[in-house]
C-alpha atoms as a PDB file:
ATOM      1  CA  MET A   1     -31.361   1.845 -21.083  1.00  0.00           C
ATOM      2  CA  ASN A   2     -29.359   3.261 -18.159  1.00  0.00           C
ATOM      3  CA  GLY A   3     -30.429   0.613 -15.638  1.00  0.00           C
ATOM      4  CA  PRO A   4     -27.762  -1.062 -13.487  1.00  0.00           C
ATOM      5  CA  PHE A   5     -27.682  -4.296 -15.506  1.00  0.00           C
ATOM      6  CA  PHE A   6     -27.248  -2.500 -18.835  1.00  0.00           C
ATOM      7  CA  LEU A   7     -24.650  -0.107 -17.413  1.00  0.00           C
ATOM      8  CA  TYR A   8     -22.522  -2.819 -15.812  1.00  0.00           C
ATOM      9  CA  THR A   9     -22.773  -4.899 -18.987  1.00  0.00           C
ATOM     10  CA  LEU A  10     -21.343  -1.956 -20.916  1.00  0.00           C
ATOM     11  CA  ILE A  11     -18.518  -1.547 -18.389  1.00  0.00           C
ATOM     12  CA  SER A  12     -17.692  -5.269 -18.555  1.00  0.00           C
ATOM     13  CA  LEU A  13     -17.603  -5.060 -22.346  1.00  0.00           C
ATOM     14  CA  MET A  14     -15.303  -2.040 -22.102  1.00  0.00           C
ATOM     15  CA  VAL A  15     -12.851  -3.901 -19.857  1.00  0.00           C
ATOM     16  CA  LEU A  16     -12.847  -6.930 -22.171  1.00  0.00           C
ATOM     17  CA  LEU A  17     -12.262  -4.809 -25.288  1.00  0.00           C
ATOM     18  CA  TRP A  18      -9.493  -2.810 -23.612  1.00  0.00           C
ATOM     19  CA  SER A  19      -7.858  -6.022 -22.368  1.00  0.00           C
ATOM     20  CA  ALA A  20      -7.928  -7.561 -25.856  1.00  0.00           C
ATOM     21  CA  ASN A  21      -6.333  -4.379 -27.220  1.00  0.00           C
ATOM     22  CA  PHE A  22      -2.963  -5.443 -25.802  1.00  0.00           C
ATOM     23  CA  ILE A  23      -3.096  -8.693 -27.772  1.00  0.00           C
ATOM     24  CA  ILE A  24      -4.461  -7.096 -30.940  1.00  0.00           C
ATOM     25  CA  GLY A  25      -1.783  -4.415 -30.671  1.00  0.00           C
ATOM     26  CA  LYS A  26       0.971  -7.038 -30.563  1.00  0.00           C
ATOM     27  CA  VAL A  27      -0.485  -8.697 -33.666  1.00  0.00           C
ATOM     28  CA  ALA A  28      -0.667  -5.375 -35.536  1.00  0.00           C
ATOM     29  CA  LEU A  29       2.889  -4.466 -34.519  1.00  0.00           C
ATOM     30  CA  ARG A  30       4.158  -7.535 -36.344  1.00  0.00           C
ATOM     31  CA  GLU A  31       3.211  -5.821 -39.617  1.00  0.00           C
ATOM     32  CA  PHE A  32       3.232  -2.074 -38.920  1.00  0.00           C
ATOM     33  CA  PRO A  33       5.913   0.114 -37.307  1.00  0.00           C
ATOM     34  CA  PRO A  34       4.503   1.581 -34.063  1.00  0.00           C
ATOM     35  CA  LEU A  35       4.509   5.253 -35.150  1.00  0.00           C
ATOM     36  CA  LEU A  36       2.688   4.536 -38.410  1.00  0.00           C
ATOM     37  CA  LEU A  37       0.272   2.174 -36.668  1.00  0.00           C
ATOM     38  CA  GLY A  38      -0.561   4.772 -34.016  1.00  0.00           C
ATOM     39  CA  ALA A  39      -1.072   7.544 -36.569  1.00  0.00           C
ATOM     40  CA  MET A  40      -3.343   5.362 -38.721  1.00  0.00           C
ATOM     41  CA  ARG A  41      -5.275   4.209 -35.666  1.00  0.00           C
ATOM     42  CA  ILE A  42      -6.011   7.781 -34.605  1.00  0.00           C
ATOM     43  CA  GLY A  43      -6.833   8.756 -38.182  1.00  0.00           C
ATOM     44  CA  LEU A  44      -9.371   5.951 -38.517  1.00  0.00           C
ATOM     45  CA  ALA A  45     -10.844   6.726 -35.104  1.00  0.00           C
ATOM     46  CA  GLY A  46     -11.261  10.339 -36.225  1.00  0.00           C
ATOM     47  CA  ILE A  47     -13.083   9.159 -39.346  1.00  0.00           C
ATOM     48  CA  PHE A  48     -15.372   6.910 -37.279  1.00  0.00           C
ATOM     49  CA  LEU A  49     -16.236   9.722 -34.862  1.00  0.00           C
ATOM     50  CA  ALA A  50     -16.394  12.622 -37.332  1.00  0.00           C
ATOM     51  CA  PRO A  51     -20.099  12.288 -38.332  1.00  0.00           C
ATOM     52  CA  ALA A  52     -21.343  12.074 -34.733  1.00  0.00           C
ATOM     53  CA  TYR A  53     -18.922  14.813 -33.657  1.00  0.00           C
ATOM     54  CA  LEU A  54     -20.030  17.241 -36.367  1.00  0.00           C
ATOM     55  CA  ARG A  55     -23.695  16.536 -35.716  1.00  0.00           C
ATOM     56  CA  LYS A  56     -23.237  17.060 -31.983  1.00  0.00           C
ATOM     57  CA  THR A  57     -21.164  20.240 -32.206  1.00  0.00           C
ATOM     58  CA  ARG A  58     -23.698  21.977 -34.458  1.00  0.00           C
ATOM     59  CA  ALA A  59     -26.079  22.072 -31.501  1.00  0.00           C
ATOM     60  CA  LEU A  60     -23.453  23.348 -29.046  1.00  0.00           C
ATOM     61  CA  PRO A  61     -22.883  27.033 -28.257  1.00  0.00           C
ATOM     62  CA  LEU A  62     -19.514  28.482 -29.188  1.00  0.00           C
ATOM     63  CA  GLY A  63     -17.448  28.292 -26.010  1.00  0.00           C
ATOM     64  CA  PRO A  64     -14.839  30.703 -24.686  1.00  0.00           C
ATOM     65  CA  ARG A  65     -11.213  30.583 -25.777  1.00  0.00           C
ATOM     66  CA  ALA A  66     -10.296  28.703 -22.591  1.00  0.00           C
ATOM     67  CA  ASP A  67     -12.493  25.815 -23.720  1.00  0.00           C
ATOM     68  CA  PHE A  68     -10.635  25.525 -27.012  1.00  0.00           C
ATOM     69  CA  MET A  69      -7.340  25.544 -25.103  1.00  0.00           C
ATOM     70  CA  LEU A  70      -8.646  22.724 -22.904  1.00  0.00           C
ATOM     71  CA  LEU A  71      -9.882  20.691 -25.877  1.00  0.00           C
ATOM     72  CA  GLY A  72      -6.542  21.220 -27.628  1.00  0.00           C
ATOM     73  CA  PHE A  73      -4.697  20.030 -24.513  1.00  0.00           C
ATOM     74  CA  LEU A  74      -6.917  16.936 -24.386  1.00  0.00           C
ATOM     75  CA  ALA A  75      -6.196  16.228 -28.055  1.00  0.00           C
ATOM     76  CA  VAL A  76      -2.443  16.353 -27.385  1.00  0.00           C
ATOM     77  CA  CYS A  77      -2.834  14.023 -24.374  1.00  0.00           C
ATOM     78  CA  ASN A  78      -4.942  11.603 -26.426  1.00  0.00           C
ATOM     79  CA  VAL A  79      -2.551  11.528 -29.390  1.00  0.00           C
ATOM     80  CA  GLY A  80       0.471  11.151 -27.104  1.00  0.00           C
ATOM     81  CA  ASN A  81      -1.173   8.368 -25.111  1.00  0.00           C
ATOM     82  CA  GLN A  82      -2.123   6.373 -28.212  1.00  0.00           C
ATOM     83  CA  LEU A  83       1.312   6.696 -29.827  1.00  0.00           C
ATOM     84  CA  LEU A  84       3.346   6.007 -26.693  1.00  0.00           C
ATOM     85  CA  PHE A  85       1.162   3.031 -25.776  1.00  0.00           C
ATOM     86  CA  LEU A  86       2.035   1.309 -29.061  1.00  0.00           C
ATOM     87  CA  ILE A  87       5.710   2.293 -28.953  1.00  0.00           C
ATOM     88  CA  GLY A  88       5.926   0.950 -25.402  1.00  0.00           C
ATOM     89  CA  LEU A  89       3.981  -2.227 -26.216  1.00  0.00           C
ATOM     90  CA  HIS A  90       6.373  -2.835 -29.112  1.00  0.00           C
ATOM     91  CA  ARG A  91       9.283  -2.900 -26.659  1.00  0.00           C
ATOM     92  CA  THR A  92       7.812  -4.779 -23.692  1.00  0.00           C
ATOM     93  CA  THR A  93       5.447  -7.633 -22.874  1.00  0.00           C
ATOM     94  CA  VAL A  94       1.668  -7.588 -22.629  1.00  0.00           C
ATOM     95  CA  ALA A  95       1.877  -8.377 -18.904  1.00  0.00           C
ATOM     96  CA  HIS A  96       4.281  -5.523 -18.149  1.00  0.00           C
ATOM     97  CA  SER A  97       2.303  -3.084 -20.268  1.00  0.00           C
ATOM     98  CA  ALA A  98      -1.039  -4.051 -18.691  1.00  0.00           C
ATOM     99  CA  LEU A  99       0.274  -3.861 -15.115  1.00  0.00           C
ATOM    100  CA  ILE A 100       1.840  -0.451 -15.682  1.00  0.00           C
ATOM    101  CA  ILE A 101      -1.345   0.858 -17.284  1.00  0.00           C
ATOM    102  CA  GLY A 102      -3.118  -0.476 -14.185  1.00  0.00           C
ATOM    103  CA  VAL A 103      -1.301   2.134 -12.076  1.00  0.00           C
ATOM    104  CA  GLY A 104      -3.405   4.814 -13.809  1.00  0.00           C
ATOM    105  CA  PRO A 105      -5.632   5.494 -10.752  1.00  0.00           C
ATOM    106  CA  ILE A 106      -2.544   6.673  -8.843  1.00  0.00           C
ATOM    107  CA  PHE A 107      -1.625   9.175 -11.530  1.00  0.00           C
ATOM    108  CA  VAL A 108      -5.261  10.304 -11.629  1.00  0.00           C
ATOM    109  CA  LEU A 109      -5.158  10.878  -7.864  1.00  0.00           C
ATOM    110  CA  LEU A 110      -1.914  12.875  -8.054  1.00  0.00           C
ATOM    111  CA  ILE A 111      -3.268  15.061 -10.859  1.00  0.00           C
ATOM    112  CA  ALA A 112      -6.564  15.608  -9.040  1.00  0.00           C
ATOM    113  CA  ALA A 113      -4.686  16.473  -5.842  1.00  0.00           C
ATOM    114  CA  ALA A 114      -2.567  19.012  -7.735  1.00  0.00           C
ATOM    115  CA  MET A 115      -5.826  20.594  -8.928  1.00  0.00           C
ATOM    116  CA  GLY A 116      -7.194  20.702  -5.375  1.00  0.00           C
ATOM    117  CA  LEU A 117      -9.867  18.096  -6.117  1.00  0.00           C
ATOM    118  CA  GLU A 118      -8.488  15.317  -3.884  1.00  0.00           C
ATOM    119  CA  ARG A 119      -6.750  15.161  -0.526  1.00  0.00           C
ATOM    120  CA  ILE A 120      -3.654  13.017  -0.055  1.00  0.00           C
ATOM    121  CA  THR A 121      -3.909  10.971   3.148  1.00  0.00           C
ATOM    122  CA  LEU A 122      -1.270   8.887   4.871  1.00  0.00           C
ATOM    123  CA  ARG A 123      -2.938   5.673   3.675  1.00  0.00           C
ATOM    124  CA  LYS A 124      -3.074   6.911   0.091  1.00  0.00           C
ATOM    125  CA  THR A 125       0.587   7.885   0.285  1.00  0.00           C
ATOM    126  CA  ALA A 126       1.515   4.412   1.527  1.00  0.00           C
ATOM    127  CA  GLY A 127      -0.532   2.847  -1.275  1.00  0.00           C
ATOM    128  CA  MET A 128       1.149   5.002  -3.920  1.00  0.00           C
ATOM    129  CA  ILE A 129       4.621   4.152  -2.632  1.00  0.00           C
ATOM    130  CA  LEU A 130       3.739   0.455  -2.613  1.00  0.00           C
ATOM    131  CA  ALA A 131       2.282   0.463  -6.137  1.00  0.00           C
ATOM    132  CA  LEU A 132       5.114   2.489  -7.622  1.00  0.00           C
ATOM    133  CA  GLY A 133       7.540   0.171  -5.846  1.00  0.00           C
ATOM    134  CA  GLY A 134       5.865  -2.727  -7.665  1.00  0.00           C
ATOM    135  CA  VAL A 135       6.359  -0.909 -10.984  1.00  0.00           C
ATOM    136  CA  ALA A 136      10.024  -0.358 -10.094  1.00  0.00           C
ATOM    137  CA  ALA A 137      10.338  -4.090  -9.408  1.00  0.00           C
ATOM    138  CA  LEU A 138       8.909  -4.853 -12.852  1.00  0.00           C
ATOM    139  CA  ALA A 139      11.409  -2.461 -14.419  1.00  0.00           C
ATOM    140  CA  TYR A 140      14.233  -4.151 -12.519  1.00  0.00           C
ATOM    141  CA  GLN A 141      13.111  -7.547 -13.809  1.00  0.00           C
ATOM    142  CA  ALA A 142      13.221  -6.178 -17.353  1.00  0.00           C
ATOM    143  CA  THR A 143      16.829  -5.001 -16.989  1.00  0.00           C
ATOM    144  CA  ALA A 144      18.227  -7.801 -14.830  1.00  0.00           C
ATOM    145  CA  LYS A 145      20.718 -10.121 -16.473  1.00  0.00           C
ATOM    146  CA  GLY A 146      19.015 -13.354 -17.466  1.00  0.00           C
ATOM    147  CA  SER A 147      15.570 -11.836 -16.957  1.00  0.00           C
ATOM    148  CA  PRO A 148      12.892 -14.539 -16.526  1.00  0.00           C
ATOM    149  CA  ILE A 149      10.531 -12.378 -18.614  1.00  0.00           C
ATOM    150  CA  PRO A 150      11.796 -12.336 -22.220  1.00  0.00           C
ATOM    151  CA  GLY A 151      10.587  -9.430 -24.316  1.00  0.00           C
ATOM    152  CA  ALA A 152      10.351  -6.910 -21.465  1.00  0.00           C
ATOM    153  CA  SER A 153      12.608  -3.849 -21.440  1.00  0.00           C
ATOM    154  CA  LEU A 154      13.143  -0.815 -19.246  1.00  0.00           C
ATOM    155  CA  ALA A 155      12.606   1.517 -22.209  1.00  0.00           C
ATOM    156  CA  GLY A 156       9.298  -0.150 -23.083  1.00  0.00           C
ATOM    157  CA  ASP A 157       8.094   0.004 -19.479  1.00  0.00           C
ATOM    158  CA  ALA A 158       9.098   3.679 -19.154  1.00  0.00           C
ATOM    159  CA  ILE A 159       7.358   4.661 -22.404  1.00  0.00           C
ATOM    160  CA  THR A 160       4.230   2.801 -21.290  1.00  0.00           C
ATOM    161  CA  ALA A 161       4.295   4.714 -17.988  1.00  0.00           C
ATOM    162  CA  LEU A 162       4.401   7.998 -19.912  1.00  0.00           C
ATOM    163  CA  ALA A 163       1.404   6.833 -21.958  1.00  0.00           C
ATOM    164  CA  CYS A 164      -0.436   6.059 -18.721  1.00  0.00           C
ATOM    165  CA  ILE A 165       0.284   9.554 -17.359  1.00  0.00           C
ATOM    166  CA  LEU A 166      -1.104  11.152 -20.524  1.00  0.00           C
ATOM    167  CA  PHE A 167      -4.244   9.008 -20.307  1.00  0.00           C
ATOM    168  CA  SER A 168      -4.659  10.053 -16.675  1.00  0.00           C
ATOM    169  CA  LEU A 169      -4.441  13.721 -17.684  1.00  0.00           C
ATOM    170  CA  PHE A 170      -7.008  13.047 -20.404  1.00  0.00           C
ATOM    171  CA  ALA A 171      -9.312  11.325 -17.903  1.00  0.00           C
ATOM    172  CA  VAL A 172      -9.179  14.093 -15.278  1.00  0.00           C
ATOM    173  CA  TYR A 173      -9.419  17.107 -17.568  1.00  0.00           C
ATOM    174  CA  GLY A 174     -11.694  15.283 -20.005  1.00  0.00           C
ATOM    175  CA  LYS A 175     -14.346  14.808 -17.347  1.00  0.00           C
ATOM    176  CA  ARG A 176     -14.384  18.560 -16.759  1.00  0.00           C
ATOM    177  CA  ALA A 177     -14.779  19.251 -20.482  1.00  0.00           C
ATOM    178  CA  ALA A 178     -17.463  16.564 -20.835  1.00  0.00           C
ATOM    179  CA  GLU A 179     -19.542  18.292 -18.152  1.00  0.00           C
ATOM    180  CA  ARG A 180     -19.768  21.382 -20.394  1.00  0.00           C
ATOM    181  CA  TYR A 181     -20.065  19.651 -23.749  1.00  0.00           C
ATOM    182  CA  SER A 182     -20.449  15.867 -24.130  1.00  0.00           C
ATOM    183  CA  THR A 183     -18.353  12.720 -24.359  1.00  0.00           C
ATOM    184  CA  VAL A 184     -18.871  12.649 -28.141  1.00  0.00           C
ATOM    185  CA  ALA A 185     -17.751  16.257 -28.513  1.00  0.00           C
ATOM    186  CA  VAL A 186     -14.663  15.840 -26.301  1.00  0.00           C
ATOM    187  CA  ASN A 187     -13.499  12.548 -27.819  1.00  0.00           C
ATOM    188  CA  GLY A 188     -14.500  13.633 -31.315  1.00  0.00           C
ATOM    189  CA  PHE A 189     -12.434  16.814 -31.111  1.00  0.00           C
ATOM    190  CA  ALA A 190      -9.472  14.864 -29.732  1.00  0.00           C
ATOM    191  CA  TYR A 191      -9.518  12.268 -32.511  1.00  0.00           C
ATOM    192  CA  VAL A 192     -10.493  14.514 -35.421  1.00  0.00           C
ATOM    193  CA  SER A 193      -7.842  17.114 -34.594  1.00  0.00           C
ATOM    194  CA  GLY A 194      -5.351  14.354 -33.777  1.00  0.00           C
ATOM    195  CA  ALA A 195      -5.982  12.739 -37.141  1.00  0.00           C
ATOM    196  CA  ALA A 196      -5.306  16.068 -38.863  1.00  0.00           C
ATOM    197  CA  LEU A 197      -2.082  16.586 -36.910  1.00  0.00           C
ATOM    198  CA  LEU A 198      -0.807  13.087 -37.672  1.00  0.00           C
ATOM    199  CA  ALA A 199      -1.748  13.055 -41.369  1.00  0.00           C
ATOM    200  CA  PRO A 200       1.792  14.129 -42.413  1.00  0.00           C
ATOM    201  CA  ILE A 201       3.254  11.130 -40.538  1.00  0.00           C
ATOM    202  CA  VAL A 202       0.960   8.738 -42.407  1.00  0.00           C
ATOM    203  CA  LEU A 203       1.745  10.358 -45.770  1.00  0.00           C
ATOM    204  CA  TRP A 204       5.487  10.371 -45.097  1.00  0.00           C
ATOM    205  CA  ASN A 205       5.591   6.700 -44.077  1.00  0.00           C
ATOM    206  CA  ALA A 206       3.211   5.675 -46.861  1.00  0.00           C
ATOM    207  CA  ARG A 207       5.829   6.525 -49.474  1.00  0.00           C
ATOM    208  CA  GLU A 208       7.929   3.437 -48.774  1.00  0.00           C
ATOM    209  CA  PHE A 209       5.788   1.195 -46.573  1.00  0.00           C
ATOM    210  CA  PRO A 210       4.648  -2.007 -48.372  1.00  0.00           C
ATOM    211  CA  PHE A 211       0.916  -1.772 -47.660  1.00  0.00           C
ATOM    212  CA  ALA A 212       0.223  -4.484 -50.230  1.00  0.00           C
ATOM    213  CA  HIS A 213       2.070  -7.009 -48.038  1.00  0.00           C
ATOM    214  CA  VAL A 214      -0.077  -6.393 -44.959  1.00  0.00           C
ATOM    215  CA  SER A 215      -2.228  -9.427 -44.186  1.00  0.00           C
ATOM    216  CA  ALA A 216      -5.949  -9.491 -43.430  1.00  0.00           C
ATOM    217  CA  ALA A 217      -5.056 -10.010 -39.763  1.00  0.00           C
ATOM    218  CA  GLY A 218      -2.957  -6.850 -39.820  1.00  0.00           C
ATOM    219  CA  TRP A 219      -5.716  -4.713 -41.350  1.00  0.00           C
ATOM    220  CA  SER A 220      -8.356  -6.236 -39.064  1.00  0.00           C
ATOM    221  CA  SER A 221      -6.188  -5.466 -36.034  1.00  0.00           C
ATOM    222  CA  LEU A 222      -5.852  -1.845 -37.135  1.00  0.00           C
ATOM    223  CA  VAL A 223      -9.612  -1.467 -37.584  1.00  0.00           C
ATOM    224  CA  TYR A 224     -10.258  -3.117 -34.215  1.00  0.00           C
ATOM    225  CA  MET A 225      -7.867  -0.755 -32.414  1.00  0.00           C
ATOM    226  CA  ALA A 226      -9.370   2.311 -34.105  1.00  0.00           C
ATOM    227  CA  LEU A 227     -12.997   1.389 -33.490  1.00  0.00           C
ATOM    228  CA  PHE A 228     -13.309  -0.490 -30.207  1.00  0.00           C
ATOM    229  CA  PRO A 229     -10.681   0.651 -27.649  1.00  0.00           C
ATOM    230  CA  SER A 230     -10.220   4.095 -29.230  1.00  0.00           C
ATOM    231  CA  VAL A 231     -13.860   5.066 -29.768  1.00  0.00           C
ATOM    232  CA  ILE A 232     -16.392   2.736 -28.162  1.00  0.00           C
ATOM    233  CA  CYS A 233     -14.470   2.130 -24.908  1.00  0.00           C
ATOM    234  CA  TYR A 234     -13.796   5.841 -24.359  1.00  0.00           C
ATOM    235  CA  LEU A 235     -17.482   6.643 -24.887  1.00  0.00           C
ATOM    236  CA  ILE A 236     -18.530   3.886 -22.468  1.00  0.00           C
ATOM    237  CA  TYR A 237     -15.959   5.094 -19.913  1.00  0.00           C
ATOM    238  CA  TYR A 238     -17.238   8.664 -19.797  1.00  0.00           C
ATOM    239  CA  HIS A 239     -20.861   7.522 -20.010  1.00  0.00           C
ATOM    240  CA  ALA A 240     -20.307   5.307 -16.971  1.00  0.00           C
ATOM    241  CA  LEU A 241     -18.710   8.170 -15.009  1.00  0.00           C
ATOM    242  CA  THR A 242     -21.876  10.234 -15.460  1.00  0.00           C
ATOM    243  CA  HIS A 243     -23.999   7.532 -13.804  1.00  0.00           C
ATOM    244  CA  ILE A 244     -21.817   5.893 -11.141  1.00  0.00           C
ATOM    245  CA  SER A 245     -18.787   6.853  -9.076  1.00  0.00           C
ATOM    246  CA  ALA A 246     -15.251   6.624 -10.417  1.00  0.00           C
ATOM    247  CA  ALA A 247     -14.466   4.128  -7.631  1.00  0.00           C
ATOM    248  CA  ARG A 248     -17.028   1.641  -8.984  1.00  0.00           C
ATOM    249  CA  VAL A 249     -15.740   2.035 -12.536  1.00  0.00           C
ATOM    250  CA  SER A 250     -12.184   1.503 -11.280  1.00  0.00           C
ATOM    251  CA  ALA A 251     -13.237  -1.696  -9.530  1.00  0.00           C
ATOM    252  CA  PHE A 252     -13.957  -3.189 -12.957  1.00  0.00           C
ATOM    253  CA  ILE A 253     -10.825  -1.745 -14.550  1.00  0.00           C
ATOM    254  CA  TYR A 254      -8.733  -3.585 -11.934  1.00  0.00           C
ATOM    255  CA  LEU A 255      -9.537  -6.748 -13.905  1.00  0.00           C
ATOM    256  CA  GLU A 256      -7.936  -5.407 -17.099  1.00  0.00           C
ATOM    257  CA  PRO A 257      -4.283  -6.307 -16.282  1.00  0.00           C
ATOM    258  CA  LEU A 258      -5.310  -9.802 -15.167  1.00  0.00           C
ATOM    259  CA  ILE A 259      -7.419 -10.468 -18.275  1.00  0.00           C
ATOM    260  CA  ALA A 260      -4.763  -9.016 -20.598  1.00  0.00           C
ATOM    261  CA  THR A 261      -2.011 -11.099 -18.974  1.00  0.00           C
ATOM    262  CA  LEU A 262      -4.024 -14.310 -19.299  1.00  0.00           C
ATOM    263  CA  MET A 263      -4.769 -13.446 -22.935  1.00  0.00           C
ATOM    264  CA  GLY A 264      -1.048 -12.895 -23.494  1.00  0.00           C
ATOM    265  CA  VAL A 265      -0.355 -16.386 -22.174  1.00  0.00           C
ATOM    266  CA  ALA A 266      -3.154 -17.994 -24.198  1.00  0.00           C
ATOM    267  CA  PHE A 267      -2.624 -16.250 -27.541  1.00  0.00           C
ATOM    268  CA  LEU A 268       1.008 -15.066 -27.557  1.00  0.00           C
ATOM    269  CA  GLY A 269       2.716 -17.715 -25.463  1.00  0.00           C
ATOM    270  CA  GLU A 270       3.939 -15.259 -22.821  1.00  0.00           C
ATOM    271  CA  ARG A 271       5.100 -16.679 -19.480  1.00  0.00           C
ATOM    272  CA  ILE A 272       3.750 -16.030 -16.009  1.00  0.00           C
ATOM    273  CA  THR A 273       6.604 -16.154 -13.521  1.00  0.00           C
ATOM    274  CA  GLY A 274       6.729 -15.894  -9.749  1.00  0.00           C
ATOM    275  CA  ALA A 275       8.433 -12.505 -10.043  1.00  0.00           C
ATOM    276  CA  LEU A 276       5.657 -11.230 -12.315  1.00  0.00           C
ATOM    277  CA  VAL A 277       2.928 -12.449  -9.950  1.00  0.00           C
ATOM    278  CA  ALA A 278       4.710 -10.858  -6.977  1.00  0.00           C
ATOM    279  CA  GLY A 279       5.141  -7.540  -8.763  1.00  0.00           C
ATOM    280  CA  GLY A 280       1.529  -7.554  -9.918  1.00  0.00           C
ATOM    281  CA  THR A 281       0.267  -8.340  -6.421  1.00  0.00           C
ATOM    282  CA  VAL A 282       2.251  -5.450  -4.948  1.00  0.00           C
ATOM    283  CA  ILE A 283       0.886  -3.084  -7.605  1.00  0.00           C
ATOM    284  CA  PHE A 284      -2.725  -4.191  -7.107  1.00  0.00           C
ATOM    285  CA  THR A 285      -2.418  -3.862  -3.319  1.00  0.00           C
ATOM    286  CA  GLY A 286      -0.925  -0.398  -3.616  1.00  0.00           C
ATOM    287  CA  VAL A 287      -3.581   0.827  -6.036  1.00  0.00           C
ATOM    288  CA  TYR A 288      -6.335  -0.607  -3.816  1.00  0.00           C
ATOM    289  CA  LEU A 289      -4.975   1.148  -0.718  1.00  0.00           C
ATOM    290  CA  THR A 290      -4.649   4.388  -2.662  1.00  0.00           C
ATOM    291  CA  GLU A 291      -8.244   4.324  -3.889  1.00  0.00           C
ATOM    292  CA  ARG A 292      -9.656   3.286  -0.502  1.00  0.00           C
ATOM    293  CA  GLY A 293      -7.487   5.680   1.514  1.00  0.00           C
END
């Protein structure tokens, strides 16, 4: 079951599900406020993972205190990433959000370099400057008077960038934790503990939120976001990293911004402009140079 065809099929499915998450998120945000939506998403993901997590952790030895500190840090990164992603998506376009999330490999490289796991070369530095310059160009488009990209905002882009940084921290440190435990244990702890931490937010917002008015599309979007991108995609991601190099996985993830942008055009009526294509091209080129440097 771990042959190349099966593995690459899983990775392709992961990219497709993550790409669709931008569209599904926009649909859900029409009916839920972003903070409540994020808290409920994490809570449901924790419920989905709890049985497998509890079954897996029973067979694991009790680790040192440092391991619990690491798992707690990963839980904070995961919760922060999920919440900020939705808050940012609420305030910007699918295309902007997807392109900024696509800069993740650069943040991963910087974090790994700070940990002494990667070496920064001149080519990687040039790639990072180029990619981050493309992100800056997107942010400028969002704030420029008469912006050709309606719906984008500097605040939304900045919040999305923070979400991307937290995911990058989760990816780097999560791989270390997964080597000692397992992907189910690491992700399960992050979601189960995150669900417990966010329960007060759900209860507080539930007092006045009109749940009875939420449509079937709204509830289906919530379930999709909790199950597929939050649970299944994360498990596929870490499973893939145990069998092939991060560079090969990243090669597939490069397609995510493109697929998400095209979905935004097809399902949400978003516009592809020359400025957006130029900014995206600069970002892709920079990320490619960084990863191949």
